[in-house]
Amino acid sequence: DAMAKGLDLVRAPLTKFDSSLSAEQKQQLDAMGGAKAASAAGLCSTQNAEFTNVPTQEIEATVSPDDTQKAALDALDAASAKAASMLQTTCPSQIPDTTEGRLEAMDKRLKATVTAMNEVRPALVGFYDSLSDEQKARFDTMAGH
């Protein structure tokens, strides 16, 4: 959420700066961001994979969930898949060429990321809260947690 607010904070000055540039200066500025923007395109697939890659089997092996906990883990898995789908819809097929276009794409992506995290958080908290203290201790030792 702080990132989205930060983007909102710099949008007006950047837009004003961009509008003060000549066509040649805009072209140079847009070209500067192009290489970085192209490499940022891979972020979408990486971030989506993180949401869909809930290590369910590893979690099951680590905490040995009962049936109720298994249902909560399944809900976490489903919430993660839904979040990844929501994120996928905001992945641009092409990185915008203009500064304003890239700012708009970043804004949409940041807001979608916050929404996705808000989708997953309750399911993760619900699963975690269903664990015993011993299971929580084992869960907390998992890599990447």
N, C-alpha and C. Protein backbone atom coordinates (compact mmCIF):
# COMPACT_ATOMS: atom_id res chain seq x y z
N ASP A 1 0.82 -1.19 0.00
CA ASP A 1 0.00 0.00 0.00
C ASP A 1 0.87 1.26 0.00
N ALA A 2 1.99 1.21 0.71
CA ALA A 2 2.90 2.35 0.74
C ALA A 2 3.48 2.62 -0.65
N MET A 3 3.74 1.55 -1.40
CA MET A 3 4.27 1.72 -2.76
C MET A 3 3.25 2.44 -3.65
N ALA A 4 1.99 2.05 -3.53
CA ALA A 4 0.94 2.69 -4.34
C ALA A 4 0.81 4.16 -3.96
N LYS A 5 0.89 4.45 -2.66
CA LYS A 5 0.82 5.85 -2.22
C LYS A 5 2.04 6.62 -2.71
N GLY A 6 3.20 5.98 -2.68
CA GLY A 6 4.41 6.62 -3.19
C GLY A 6 4.30 6.93 -4.67
N LEU A 7 3.73 5.99 -5.40
CA LEU A 7 3.54 6.21 -6.84
C LEU A 7 2.58 7.37 -7.08
N ASP A 8 1.52 7.44 -6.28
CA ASP A 8 0.58 8.55 -6.40
C ASP A 8 1.28 9.88 -6.11
N LEU A 9 2.22 9.85 -5.18
CA LEU A 9 2.94 11.06 -4.78
C LEU A 9 3.83 11.59 -5.91
N VAL A 10 4.46 10.70 -6.66
CA VAL A 10 5.38 11.14 -7.71
C VAL A 10 4.72 11.29 -9.08
N ARG A 11 3.51 10.79 -9.21
CA ARG A 11 2.85 10.82 -10.52
C ARG A 11 2.70 12.25 -11.06
N ALA A 12 2.15 13.16 -10.27
CA ALA A 12 1.92 14.53 -10.75
C ALA A 12 3.23 15.23 -11.13
N PRO A 13 4.26 15.20 -10.28
CA PRO A 13 5.52 15.85 -10.69
C PRO A 13 6.13 15.20 -11.93
N LEU A 14 6.07 13.88 -12.03
CA LEU A 14 6.63 13.22 -13.21
C LEU A 14 5.84 13.55 -14.47
N THR A 15 4.53 13.60 -14.34
CA THR A 15 3.69 13.96 -15.49
C THR A 15 3.97 15.39 -15.93
N LYS A 16 4.10 16.29 -14.94
CA LYS A 16 4.42 17.69 -15.25
C LYS A 16 5.78 17.78 -15.93
N PHE A 17 6.76 17.07 -15.39
CA PHE A 17 8.10 17.06 -15.98
C PHE A 17 8.04 16.51 -17.40
N ASP A 18 7.34 15.40 -17.57
CA ASP A 18 7.23 14.76 -18.88
C ASP A 18 6.59 15.70 -19.90
N SER A 19 5.57 16.43 -19.48
CA SER A 19 4.89 17.34 -20.41
C SER A 19 5.75 18.55 -20.76
N SER A 20 6.75 18.85 -19.95
CA SER A 20 7.63 19.98 -20.25
C SER A 20 8.75 19.63 -21.23
N LEU A 21 8.89 18.36 -21.55
CA LEU A 21 9.98 17.91 -22.42
C LEU A 21 9.62 18.07 -23.89
N SER A 22 10.64 18.25 -24.69
CA SER A 22 10.44 18.26 -26.15
C SER A 22 10.20 16.82 -26.60
N ALA A 23 9.76 16.66 -27.83
CA ALA A 23 9.51 15.31 -28.37
C ALA A 23 10.80 14.48 -28.33
N GLU A 24 11.92 15.09 -28.66
CA GLU A 24 13.20 14.37 -28.66
C GLU A 24 13.59 13.97 -27.24
N GLN A 25 13.39 14.86 -26.28
CA GLN A 25 13.71 14.54 -24.89
C GLN A 25 12.81 13.41 -24.37
N LYS A 26 11.53 13.47 -24.73
CA LYS A 26 10.61 12.40 -24.32
C LYS A 26 11.06 11.06 -24.89
N GLN A 27 11.46 11.09 -26.14
CA GLN A 27 11.92 9.86 -26.78
C GLN A 27 13.15 9.31 -26.05
N GLN A 28 14.07 10.18 -25.68
CA GLN A 28 15.26 9.74 -24.95
C GLN A 28 14.89 9.19 -23.58
N LEU A 29 13.99 9.87 -22.90
CA LEU A 29 13.55 9.41 -21.58
C LEU A 29 12.84 8.07 -21.67
N ASP A 30 11.96 7.96 -22.65
CA ASP A 30 11.23 6.70 -22.82
C ASP A 30 12.18 5.56 -23.17
N ALA A 31 13.21 5.85 -23.94
CA ALA A 31 14.19 4.82 -24.30
C ALA A 31 14.98 4.37 -23.08
N MET A 32 15.26 5.29 -22.15
CA MET A 32 15.99 4.94 -20.94
C MET A 32 15.22 3.92 -20.12
N GLY A 33 13.93 4.09 -20.02
CA GLY A 33 13.12 3.17 -19.23
C GLY A 33 12.81 1.88 -19.94
N GLY A 34 12.98 1.86 -21.26
CA GLY A 34 12.60 0.69 -22.04
C GLY A 34 13.33 -0.57 -21.67
N ALA A 35 14.65 -0.51 -21.50
CA ALA A 35 15.43 -1.71 -21.17
C ALA A 35 15.05 -2.24 -19.80
N LYS A 36 14.92 -1.34 -18.85
CA LYS A 36 14.53 -1.77 -17.50
C LYS A 36 13.10 -2.30 -17.50
N ALA A 37 12.25 -1.65 -18.25
CA ALA A 37 10.85 -2.08 -18.31
C ALA A 37 10.74 -3.47 -18.92
N ALA A 38 11.54 -3.73 -19.94
CA ALA A 38 11.50 -5.05 -20.59
C ALA A 38 11.90 -6.14 -19.61
N SER A 39 12.94 -5.87 -18.80
CA SER A 39 13.35 -6.88 -17.83
C SER A 39 12.33 -7.03 -16.72
N ALA A 40 11.56 -5.98 -16.47
CA ALA A 40 10.53 -6.04 -15.44
C ALA A 40 9.36 -6.91 -15.86
N ALA A 41 9.22 -7.17 -17.16
CA ALA A 41 8.11 -8.00 -17.63
C ALA A 41 8.17 -9.39 -17.02
N GLY A 42 9.36 -9.89 -16.76
CA GLY A 42 9.51 -11.20 -16.13
C GLY A 42 8.99 -11.24 -14.71
N LEU A 43 8.85 -10.06 -14.09
CA LEU A 43 8.34 -10.00 -12.73
C LEU A 43 6.94 -10.58 -12.64
N CYS A 44 6.13 -10.36 -13.64
CA CYS A 44 4.76 -10.88 -13.63
C CYS A 44 4.74 -12.38 -13.44
N SER A 45 5.50 -13.09 -14.27
CA SER A 45 5.47 -14.54 -14.18
C SER A 45 6.08 -15.02 -12.87
N THR A 46 7.11 -14.34 -12.38
CA THR A 46 7.73 -14.72 -11.11
C THR A 46 6.76 -14.50 -9.96
N GLN A 47 6.12 -13.35 -9.94
CA GLN A 47 5.20 -13.03 -8.86
C GLN A 47 3.99 -13.95 -8.90
N ASN A 48 3.46 -14.23 -10.07
CA ASN A 48 2.32 -15.13 -10.18
C ASN A 48 2.70 -16.52 -9.69
N ALA A 49 3.90 -16.98 -10.03
CA ALA A 49 4.34 -18.30 -9.59
C ALA A 49 4.43 -18.36 -8.07
N GLU A 50 4.85 -17.26 -7.44
CA GLU A 50 4.94 -17.24 -5.98
C GLU A 50 3.56 -17.41 -5.35
N PHE A 51 2.54 -16.84 -5.96
CA PHE A 51 1.19 -16.97 -5.41
C PHE A 51 0.63 -18.37 -5.64
N THR A 52 0.96 -19.00 -6.75
CA THR A 52 0.39 -20.32 -7.03
C THR A 52 1.25 -21.44 -6.49
N ASN A 53 2.43 -21.13 -6.04
CA ASN A 53 3.36 -22.16 -5.61
C ASN A 53 3.30 -22.39 -4.11
N VAL A 54 2.11 -22.60 -3.57
CA VAL A 54 1.99 -22.96 -2.16
C VAL A 54 2.51 -24.39 -2.03
N PRO A 55 3.55 -24.59 -1.22
CA PRO A 55 4.14 -25.93 -1.12
C PRO A 55 3.28 -26.86 -0.26
N THR A 56 2.11 -27.17 -0.76
CA THR A 56 1.12 -27.94 -0.01
C THR A 56 1.68 -29.26 0.50
N GLN A 57 2.36 -30.00 -0.37
CA GLN A 57 2.89 -31.30 0.06
C GLN A 57 3.93 -31.13 1.15
N GLU A 58 4.79 -30.13 1.01
CA GLU A 58 5.81 -29.88 2.03
C GLU A 58 5.17 -29.47 3.35
N ILE A 59 4.14 -28.64 3.27
CA ILE A 59 3.44 -28.22 4.49
C ILE A 59 2.79 -29.42 5.15
N GLU A 60 2.13 -30.26 4.35
CA GLU A 60 1.49 -31.45 4.91
C GLU A 60 2.51 -32.35 5.58
N ALA A 61 3.65 -32.55 4.93
CA ALA A 61 4.70 -33.41 5.50
C ALA A 61 5.28 -32.80 6.77
N THR A 62 5.33 -31.49 6.83
CA THR A 62 5.94 -30.82 7.98
C THR A 62 5.02 -30.76 9.18
N VAL A 63 3.75 -30.43 8.97
CA VAL A 63 2.85 -30.21 10.11
C VAL A 63 1.86 -31.34 10.35
N SER A 64 1.75 -32.29 9.44
CA SER A 64 0.79 -33.41 9.58
C SER A 64 -0.60 -32.90 9.98
N PRO A 65 -1.26 -32.16 9.10
CA PRO A 65 -2.54 -31.56 9.47
C PRO A 65 -3.65 -32.59 9.63
N ASP A 66 -4.58 -32.28 10.55
CA ASP A 66 -5.77 -33.11 10.67
C ASP A 66 -6.73 -32.70 9.54
N ASP A 67 -7.91 -33.29 9.51
CA ASP A 67 -8.84 -33.02 8.41
C ASP A 67 -9.27 -31.55 8.35
N THR A 68 -9.52 -30.95 9.51
CA THR A 68 -9.93 -29.55 9.55
C THR A 68 -8.80 -28.65 9.05
N GLN A 69 -7.59 -28.94 9.49
CA GLN A 69 -6.43 -28.17 9.05
C GLN A 69 -6.16 -28.38 7.57
N LYS A 70 -6.38 -29.58 7.09
CA LYS A 70 -6.20 -29.89 5.67
C LYS A 70 -7.18 -29.07 4.83
N ALA A 71 -8.41 -28.94 5.32
CA ALA A 71 -9.40 -28.12 4.62
C ALA A 71 -8.95 -26.65 4.59
N ALA A 72 -8.37 -26.17 5.69
CA ALA A 72 -7.86 -24.80 5.73
C ALA A 72 -6.68 -24.63 4.77
N LEU A 73 -5.84 -25.66 4.67
CA LEU A 73 -4.72 -25.62 3.73
C LEU A 73 -5.23 -25.62 2.29
N ASP A 74 -6.26 -26.39 2.02
CA ASP A 74 -6.87 -26.39 0.69
C ASP A 74 -7.46 -25.01 0.36
N ALA A 75 -8.04 -24.35 1.37
CA ALA A 75 -8.58 -23.00 1.17
C ALA A 75 -7.46 -22.02 0.86
N LEU A 76 -6.31 -22.20 1.51
CA LEU A 76 -5.14 -21.36 1.23
C LEU A 76 -4.67 -21.58 -0.20
N ASP A 77 -4.63 -22.82 -0.61
CA ASP A 77 -4.22 -23.15 -1.97
C ASP A 77 -5.17 -22.51 -2.99
N ALA A 78 -6.47 -22.59 -2.73
CA ALA A 78 -7.46 -21.99 -3.63
C ALA A 78 -7.35 -20.47 -3.66
N ALA A 79 -7.15 -19.86 -2.49
CA ALA A 79 -6.99 -18.40 -2.43
C ALA A 79 -5.74 -17.97 -3.19
N SER A 80 -4.69 -18.75 -3.09
CA SER A 80 -3.45 -18.43 -3.80
C SER A 80 -3.66 -18.50 -5.31
N ALA A 81 -4.38 -19.51 -5.76
CA ALA A 81 -4.65 -19.64 -7.19
C ALA A 81 -5.51 -18.47 -7.68
N LYS A 82 -6.49 -18.07 -6.88
CA LYS A 82 -7.35 -16.94 -7.24
C LYS A 82 -6.53 -15.66 -7.31
N ALA A 83 -5.62 -15.47 -6.35
CA ALA A 83 -4.77 -14.28 -6.34
C ALA A 83 -3.87 -14.25 -7.56
N ALA A 84 -3.31 -15.39 -7.92
CA ALA A 84 -2.45 -15.45 -9.11
C ALA A 84 -3.23 -15.11 -10.36
N SER A 85 -4.47 -15.57 -10.43
CA SER A 85 -5.31 -15.26 -11.58
C SER A 85 -5.60 -13.76 -11.66
N MET A 86 -5.88 -13.16 -10.50
CA MET A 86 -6.12 -11.72 -10.46
C MET A 86 -4.88 -10.96 -10.92
N LEU A 87 -3.72 -11.40 -10.47
CA LEU A 87 -2.47 -10.75 -10.87
C LEU A 87 -2.22 -10.90 -12.37
N GLN A 88 -2.54 -12.06 -12.89
CA GLN A 88 -2.30 -12.31 -14.31
C GLN A 88 -3.06 -11.33 -15.19
N THR A 89 -4.23 -10.92 -14.75
CA THR A 89 -5.02 -9.99 -15.56
C THR A 89 -4.39 -8.61 -15.63
N THR A 90 -3.49 -8.29 -14.70
CA THR A 90 -2.84 -6.97 -14.73
C THR A 90 -1.45 -7.02 -15.33
N CYS A 91 -1.03 -8.19 -15.79
CA CYS A 91 0.28 -8.29 -16.45
C CYS A 91 0.15 -7.75 -17.86
N PRO A 92 0.87 -6.67 -18.15
CA PRO A 92 0.77 -6.15 -19.51
C PRO A 92 1.43 -7.09 -20.50
N SER A 93 0.82 -7.23 -21.66
CA SER A 93 1.44 -8.06 -22.70
C SER A 93 2.65 -7.34 -23.27
N GLN A 94 2.62 -6.03 -23.19
CA GLN A 94 3.76 -5.21 -23.60
C GLN A 94 3.96 -4.14 -22.54
N ILE A 95 5.21 -3.82 -22.27
CA ILE A 95 5.49 -2.72 -21.37
C ILE A 95 5.23 -1.42 -22.13
N PRO A 96 4.44 -0.52 -21.56
CA PRO A 96 4.14 0.74 -22.25
C PRO A 96 5.42 1.50 -22.62
N ASP A 97 5.36 2.20 -23.73
CA ASP A 97 6.51 2.94 -24.24
C ASP A 97 6.73 4.26 -23.52
N THR A 98 5.66 4.83 -22.98
CA THR A 98 5.77 6.17 -22.40
C THR A 98 5.90 6.10 -20.88
N THR A 99 6.45 7.17 -20.33
CA THR A 99 6.58 7.28 -18.87
C THR A 99 5.21 7.20 -18.22
N GLU A 100 4.26 7.96 -18.73
CA GLU A 100 2.91 7.95 -18.16
C GLU A 100 2.28 6.56 -18.27
N GLY A 101 2.47 5.91 -19.39
CA GLY A 101 1.94 4.56 -19.56
C GLY A 101 2.55 3.58 -18.58
N ARG A 102 3.86 3.70 -18.35
CA ARG A 102 4.52 2.81 -17.38
C ARG A 102 4.04 3.09 -15.96
N LEU A 103 3.85 4.38 -15.64
CA LEU A 103 3.32 4.73 -14.32
C LEU A 103 1.93 4.13 -14.11
N GLU A 104 1.10 4.22 -15.13
CA GLU A 104 -0.26 3.65 -15.04
C GLU A 104 -0.20 2.14 -14.88
N ALA A 105 0.67 1.49 -15.63
CA ALA A 105 0.82 0.03 -15.51
C ALA A 105 1.31 -0.36 -14.12
N MET A 106 2.27 0.41 -13.59
CA MET A 106 2.77 0.13 -12.24
C MET A 106 1.67 0.31 -11.21
N ASP A 107 0.87 1.36 -11.38
CA ASP A 107 -0.22 1.62 -10.45
C ASP A 107 -1.21 0.46 -10.43
N LYS A 108 -1.61 0.00 -11.61
CA LYS A 108 -2.54 -1.12 -11.69
C LYS A 108 -1.94 -2.37 -11.06
N ARG A 109 -0.66 -2.61 -11.33
CA ARG A 109 0.00 -3.81 -10.82
C ARG A 109 0.13 -3.75 -9.30
N LEU A 110 0.51 -2.60 -8.76
CA LEU A 110 0.63 -2.46 -7.31
C LEU A 110 -0.72 -2.67 -6.63
N LYS A 111 -1.76 -2.07 -7.18
CA LYS A 111 -3.09 -2.24 -6.59
C LYS A 111 -3.55 -3.69 -6.67
N ALA A 112 -3.25 -4.36 -7.77
CA ALA A 112 -3.61 -5.77 -7.90
C ALA A 112 -2.82 -6.63 -6.92
N THR A 113 -1.57 -6.27 -6.68
CA THR A 113 -0.75 -7.02 -5.73
C THR A 113 -1.31 -6.89 -4.32
N VAL A 114 -1.71 -5.68 -3.94
CA VAL A 114 -2.31 -5.47 -2.63
C VAL A 114 -3.60 -6.28 -2.52
N THR A 115 -4.43 -6.25 -3.56
CA THR A 115 -5.67 -7.02 -3.56
C THR A 115 -5.38 -8.51 -3.45
N ALA A 116 -4.39 -8.98 -4.17
CA ALA A 116 -4.03 -10.40 -4.12
C ALA A 116 -3.55 -10.80 -2.73
N MET A 117 -2.74 -9.94 -2.13
CA MET A 117 -2.26 -10.25 -0.78
C MET A 117 -3.42 -10.27 0.21
N ASN A 118 -4.36 -9.35 0.04
CA ASN A 118 -5.53 -9.34 0.91
C ASN A 118 -6.42 -10.56 0.69
N GLU A 119 -6.35 -11.14 -0.48
CA GLU A 119 -7.09 -12.37 -0.78
C GLU A 119 -6.45 -13.56 -0.06
N VAL A 120 -5.13 -13.60 -0.05
CA VAL A 120 -4.41 -14.75 0.50
C VAL A 120 -4.28 -14.67 2.02
N ARG A 121 -4.09 -13.47 2.55
CA ARG A 121 -3.81 -13.31 3.98
C ARG A 121 -4.83 -14.00 4.88
N PRO A 122 -6.14 -13.80 4.71
CA PRO A 122 -7.08 -14.46 5.62
C PRO A 122 -6.98 -15.99 5.58
N ALA A 123 -6.75 -16.53 4.39
CA ALA A 123 -6.63 -17.99 4.28
C ALA A 123 -5.37 -18.48 4.97
N LEU A 124 -4.28 -17.74 4.83
CA LEU A 124 -3.03 -18.11 5.49
C LEU A 124 -3.17 -18.00 7.00
N VAL A 125 -3.76 -16.91 7.46
CA VAL A 125 -3.97 -16.73 8.90
C VAL A 125 -4.90 -17.81 9.43
N GLY A 126 -5.96 -18.11 8.69
CA GLY A 126 -6.89 -19.16 9.12
C GLY A 126 -6.21 -20.51 9.25
N PHE A 127 -5.37 -20.84 8.27
CA PHE A 127 -4.64 -22.11 8.35
C PHE A 127 -3.67 -22.08 9.52
N TYR A 128 -2.88 -21.03 9.62
CA TYR A 128 -1.86 -20.94 10.67
C TYR A 128 -2.50 -20.99 12.06
N ASP A 129 -3.60 -20.26 12.23
CA ASP A 129 -4.28 -20.24 13.53
C ASP A 129 -4.88 -21.59 13.89
N SER A 130 -5.13 -22.44 12.90
CA SER A 130 -5.69 -23.76 13.19
C SER A 130 -4.63 -24.74 13.70
N LEU A 131 -3.36 -24.38 13.56
CA LEU A 131 -2.28 -25.27 13.97
C LEU A 131 -2.05 -25.20 15.47
N SER A 132 -1.59 -26.32 16.02
CA SER A 132 -1.18 -26.34 17.43
C SER A 132 0.15 -25.60 17.55
N ASP A 133 0.55 -25.30 18.77
CA ASP A 133 1.84 -24.62 18.97
C ASP A 133 2.99 -25.44 18.40
N GLU A 134 2.92 -26.75 18.57
CA GLU A 134 3.97 -27.63 18.04
C GLU A 134 4.00 -27.57 16.51
N GLN A 135 2.83 -27.62 15.89
CA GLN A 135 2.75 -27.54 14.43
C GLN A 135 3.23 -26.18 13.93
N LYS A 136 2.88 -25.11 14.66
CA LYS A 136 3.34 -23.78 14.27
C LYS A 136 4.86 -23.71 14.31
N ALA A 137 5.45 -24.29 15.33
CA ALA A 137 6.92 -24.29 15.44
C ALA A 137 7.54 -25.01 14.25
N ARG A 138 6.95 -26.13 13.84
CA ARG A 138 7.48 -26.86 12.68
C ARG A 138 7.25 -26.06 11.40
N PHE A 139 6.07 -25.47 11.27
CA PHE A 139 5.76 -24.66 10.09
C PHE A 139 6.74 -23.48 9.98
N ASP A 140 7.03 -22.86 11.11
CA ASP A 140 7.91 -21.69 11.12
C ASP A 140 9.34 -22.01 10.70
N THR A 141 9.72 -23.28 10.75
CA THR A 141 11.08 -23.66 10.35
C THR A 141 11.20 -23.93 8.86
N MET A 142 10.08 -23.92 8.16
CA MET A 142 10.12 -24.21 6.72
C MET A 142 10.88 -23.12 5.99
N ALA A 143 11.63 -23.50 4.98
CA ALA A 143 12.37 -22.53 4.17
C ALA A 143 11.39 -21.63 3.44
N GLY A 144 11.74 -20.36 3.34
CA GLY A 144 10.90 -19.43 2.60
C GLY A 144 9.76 -18.86 3.41
N HIS A 145 9.59 -19.30 4.65
CA HIS A 145 8.49 -18.79 5.47
C HIS A 145 8.87 -17.48 6.08
